[in-house]
Amino acid sequence: MTASGVFSGGGLALWRAADCGEWKATAADIASDLDVLQVPHQVVRAFRYPLSKSWDKRPRRGEEVRIARKDLPHLLPWMPSIQQWIDHITDEWPGFAFTIFEPRAEGMAVLQLPFAADWPRWTPRQAASMALMCAECGHDLRDRQNGDRLPYNIPLPKQPTKRRLVCGRCCNDGLDELERLAALAGAP
């Protein structure tokens, strides 16, 4: 189901563009309705790929109302048809988070990027517009089948604050960058 939301291993997510209230319900409107129905949820910031015909090539900012997988049965009295979707969710499905690794002088940090929950379903072109392809070899970093292809944030020295994702195979699992940063910080 992707028309107004997406099911993932994390549960159900409903994405809304920032300031969409004039044309459709905002994330706050949906959250308010879920409060009335006593359905546990959370509202998080989430980004989607830019529209292909848009002049602005930046990611689209929005919010996502997320109902955790364990809380989906709270929706059944009002939406019994979602039981079929709940039954199909398996532990192999990707969850809400897109996890990356970031070498730092003090060690490896694990970060979660604030992408909309439909990130696994983006086309390769959409994923590329969100820099989810290895900056070195072009491997699709959403593919987690191969453990040596995990995503690491290895910025270029000229642009140290700009996120640049590289697969583990191309960056030695971030170890070279980790050693470089530790040497700069004077760590043993």
Protein backbone atom coordinates (compact mmCIF):
# COMPACT_ATOMS: atom_id res chain seq x y z
CA MET A 1 0.00 0.00 0.00
CA THR A 2 1.61 3.27 -1.08
CA ALA A 3 -1.30 5.50 -2.14
CA SER A 4 -1.55 7.48 1.09
CA GLY A 5 0.94 5.60 3.21
CA VAL A 6 3.50 2.86 3.21
CA PHE A 7 3.85 -0.31 5.25
CA SER A 8 7.34 -1.33 6.26
CA GLY A 9 8.97 -3.57 8.82
CA GLY A 10 8.58 -0.64 11.22
CA GLY A 11 4.82 -0.28 10.75
CA LEU A 12 2.70 2.24 8.82
CA ALA A 13 3.92 5.70 7.77
CA LEU A 14 1.95 8.56 6.26
CA TRP A 15 4.15 11.26 4.70
CA ARG A 16 3.00 14.82 4.21
CA ALA A 17 4.90 17.63 2.52
CA ALA A 18 5.63 20.66 4.68
CA ASP A 19 2.84 23.25 4.53
CA CYS A 20 0.44 21.00 2.59
CA GLY A 21 -2.59 21.95 4.69
CA GLU A 22 -4.43 23.86 2.02
CA TRP A 23 -4.66 20.80 -0.22
CA LYS A 24 -4.67 17.83 2.15
CA ALA A 25 -4.50 16.87 5.79
CA THR A 26 -1.23 17.78 7.45
CA ALA A 27 0.72 15.42 9.68
CA ALA A 28 -0.66 17.36 12.66
CA ASP A 29 -4.23 16.81 11.40
CA ILE A 30 -3.63 13.07 11.06
CA ALA A 31 -1.98 12.91 14.48
CA SER A 32 -4.94 14.72 16.01
CA ASP A 33 -7.34 12.16 14.51
CA LEU A 34 -5.18 9.28 15.76
CA ASP A 35 -5.22 10.85 19.24
CA VAL A 36 -9.02 10.79 19.19
CA LEU A 37 -8.95 7.12 18.13
CA GLN A 38 -6.33 6.40 20.81
CA VAL A 39 -3.89 4.96 18.28
CA PRO A 40 -0.26 5.30 19.46
CA HIS A 41 1.88 7.16 16.91
CA GLN A 42 4.68 9.66 16.50
CA VAL A 43 5.32 12.51 14.07
CA VAL A 44 8.85 12.78 12.70
CA ARG A 45 10.66 14.99 10.20
CA ALA A 46 11.21 13.12 6.92
CA PHE A 47 12.64 13.92 3.50
CA ARG A 48 11.72 12.59 0.06
CA TYR A 49 13.50 12.83 -3.27
CA PRO A 50 12.92 15.97 -5.38
CA LEU A 51 10.26 15.82 -8.06
CA SER A 52 11.80 15.17 -11.46
CA LYS A 53 10.15 18.18 -13.14
CA SER A 54 10.78 20.57 -10.28
CA TRP A 55 13.26 23.41 -10.72
CA ASP A 56 14.34 22.86 -7.12
CA LYS A 57 16.52 19.75 -6.92
CA ARG A 58 16.72 19.70 -3.12
CA PRO A 59 15.00 16.90 -1.17
CA ARG A 60 11.40 17.63 -0.29
CA ARG A 61 10.91 18.40 3.38
CA GLY A 62 7.95 16.96 5.20
CA GLU A 63 6.67 15.13 8.22
CA GLU A 64 5.64 11.56 8.63
CA VAL A 65 3.08 10.11 10.99
CA ARG A 66 4.37 6.69 12.01
CA ILE A 67 2.42 3.94 13.70
CA ALA A 68 4.77 1.25 15.03
CA ARG A 69 4.24 -2.30 13.87
CA LYS A 70 3.23 -3.44 17.36
CA ASP A 71 0.55 -0.70 17.47
CA LEU A 72 -1.08 -1.44 14.10
CA PRO A 73 -3.83 -3.60 15.70
CA HIS A 74 -5.16 -0.38 17.29
CA LEU A 75 -6.35 0.59 13.79
CA LEU A 76 -8.34 -2.60 13.16
CA PRO A 77 -11.68 -1.43 14.67
CA TRP A 78 -11.76 1.40 12.11
CA MET A 79 -9.86 -0.21 9.24
CA PRO A 80 -10.31 -4.00 9.37
CA SER A 81 -8.98 -4.36 5.81
CA ILE A 82 -5.43 -3.53 6.90
CA GLN A 83 -5.22 -6.90 8.65
CA GLN A 84 -4.13 -8.41 5.33
CA TRP A 85 -1.22 -5.94 5.18
CA ILE A 86 -0.25 -6.55 8.80
CA ASP A 87 -0.18 -10.30 8.11
CA HIS A 88 2.27 -9.81 5.25
CA ILE A 89 4.86 -7.81 7.23
CA THR A 90 7.89 -9.95 8.00
CA ASP A 91 11.11 -9.35 9.92
CA GLU A 92 12.99 -9.24 6.59
CA TRP A 93 11.18 -6.04 5.57
CA PRO A 94 13.27 -2.88 6.03
CA GLY A 95 12.13 -0.68 8.89
CA PHE A 96 11.60 3.07 8.98
CA ALA A 97 15.26 4.00 9.47
CA PHE A 98 18.04 4.25 6.91
CA THR A 99 21.16 3.56 8.97
CA ILE A 100 24.64 4.77 8.04
CA PHE A 101 28.03 4.62 9.74
CA GLU A 102 30.16 7.69 10.29
CA PRO A 103 33.82 7.51 11.29
CA ARG A 104 34.73 10.02 14.00
CA ALA A 105 37.92 10.64 15.94
CA GLU A 106 36.39 8.99 19.01
CA GLY A 107 35.08 5.95 17.09
CA MET A 108 32.41 4.82 14.67
CA ALA A 109 29.01 6.51 15.05
CA VAL A 110 25.77 4.91 13.92
CA LEU A 111 23.30 7.43 12.49
CA GLN A 112 19.82 7.25 11.07
CA LEU A 113 19.00 9.53 8.16
CA PRO A 114 15.57 11.20 8.28
CA PHE A 115 14.20 9.73 5.06
CA ALA A 116 10.54 9.02 4.42
CA ALA A 117 9.67 5.39 5.17
CA ASP A 118 9.20 4.57 1.48
CA TRP A 119 12.98 4.82 0.87
CA PRO A 120 13.32 1.10 -0.02
CA ARG A 121 10.79 1.54 -2.86
CA TRP A 122 12.40 4.55 -4.52
CA THR A 123 13.56 4.00 -8.07
CA PRO A 124 17.33 4.01 -8.65
CA ARG A 125 17.03 7.51 -10.10
CA GLN A 126 15.14 8.76 -7.03
CA ALA A 127 17.67 7.08 -4.73
CA ALA A 128 20.53 8.69 -6.68
CA SER A 129 18.94 12.13 -6.24
CA MET A 130 19.11 11.49 -2.47
CA ALA A 131 22.79 10.39 -2.69
CA LEU A 132 21.99 6.77 -1.83
CA MET A 133 24.40 5.41 -4.43
CA CYS A 134 28.04 4.85 -3.51
CA ALA A 135 29.95 8.00 -4.47
CA GLU A 136 32.87 5.83 -5.64
CA CYS A 137 31.38 2.84 -7.49
CA GLY A 138 27.69 3.66 -7.85
CA HIS A 139 26.42 0.67 -5.82
CA ASP A 140 22.85 1.12 -4.54
CA LEU A 141 23.38 1.51 -0.79
CA ARG A 142 19.81 0.45 -0.03
CA ASP A 143 20.85 -3.11 -0.91
CA ARG A 144 21.87 -4.64 2.42
CA GLN A 145 22.26 -8.22 1.17
CA ASN A 146 26.04 -7.96 1.09
CA GLY A 147 27.58 -7.05 4.46
CA ASP A 148 30.65 -5.41 2.91
CA ARG A 149 28.48 -2.85 1.08
CA LEU A 150 27.12 -1.00 4.13
CA PRO A 151 26.94 2.82 3.79
CA TYR A 152 29.61 5.02 5.39
CA ASN A 153 29.70 8.80 5.43
CA ILE A 154 33.18 9.66 4.09
CA PRO A 155 33.20 13.34 3.10
CA LEU A 156 35.83 14.79 0.81
CA PRO A 157 38.54 16.77 2.66
CA LYS A 158 37.51 19.91 0.72
CA GLN A 159 33.90 19.54 1.92
CA PRO A 160 34.12 18.02 5.42
CA THR A 161 30.55 18.93 6.41
CA LYS A 162 28.83 17.60 3.27
CA ARG A 163 27.43 14.08 3.53
CA ARG A 164 29.00 11.70 1.02
CA LEU A 165 28.00 8.05 1.24
CA VAL A 166 30.42 5.32 0.17
CA CYS A 167 30.02 1.54 0.39
CA GLY A 168 32.22 -0.38 2.80
CA ARG A 169 34.05 -2.08 -0.04
CA CYS A 170 35.19 1.27 -1.45
CA CYS A 171 36.21 2.79 1.90
CA ASN A 172 37.66 -0.20 3.77
CA ASP A 173 34.60 -0.17 6.06
CA GLY A 174 35.51 3.36 7.15
CA LEU A 175 38.65 2.17 8.96
CA ASP A 176 41.05 4.36 6.95
CA GLU A 177 38.96 7.46 7.70
CA LEU A 178 38.66 6.45 11.34
CA GLU A 179 42.47 6.22 11.63
CA ARG A 180 42.94 9.54 9.79
CA LEU A 181 40.52 11.36 12.10
CA ALA A 182 42.06 9.77 15.21
CA ALA A 183 45.55 10.88 14.05
CA LEU A 184 44.27 14.44 13.49
CA ALA A 185 42.78 14.46 16.99
CA GLY A 186 46.05 13.15 18.45
CA ALA A 187 44.53 9.89 19.68
CA PRO A 188 46.85 6.87 20.02
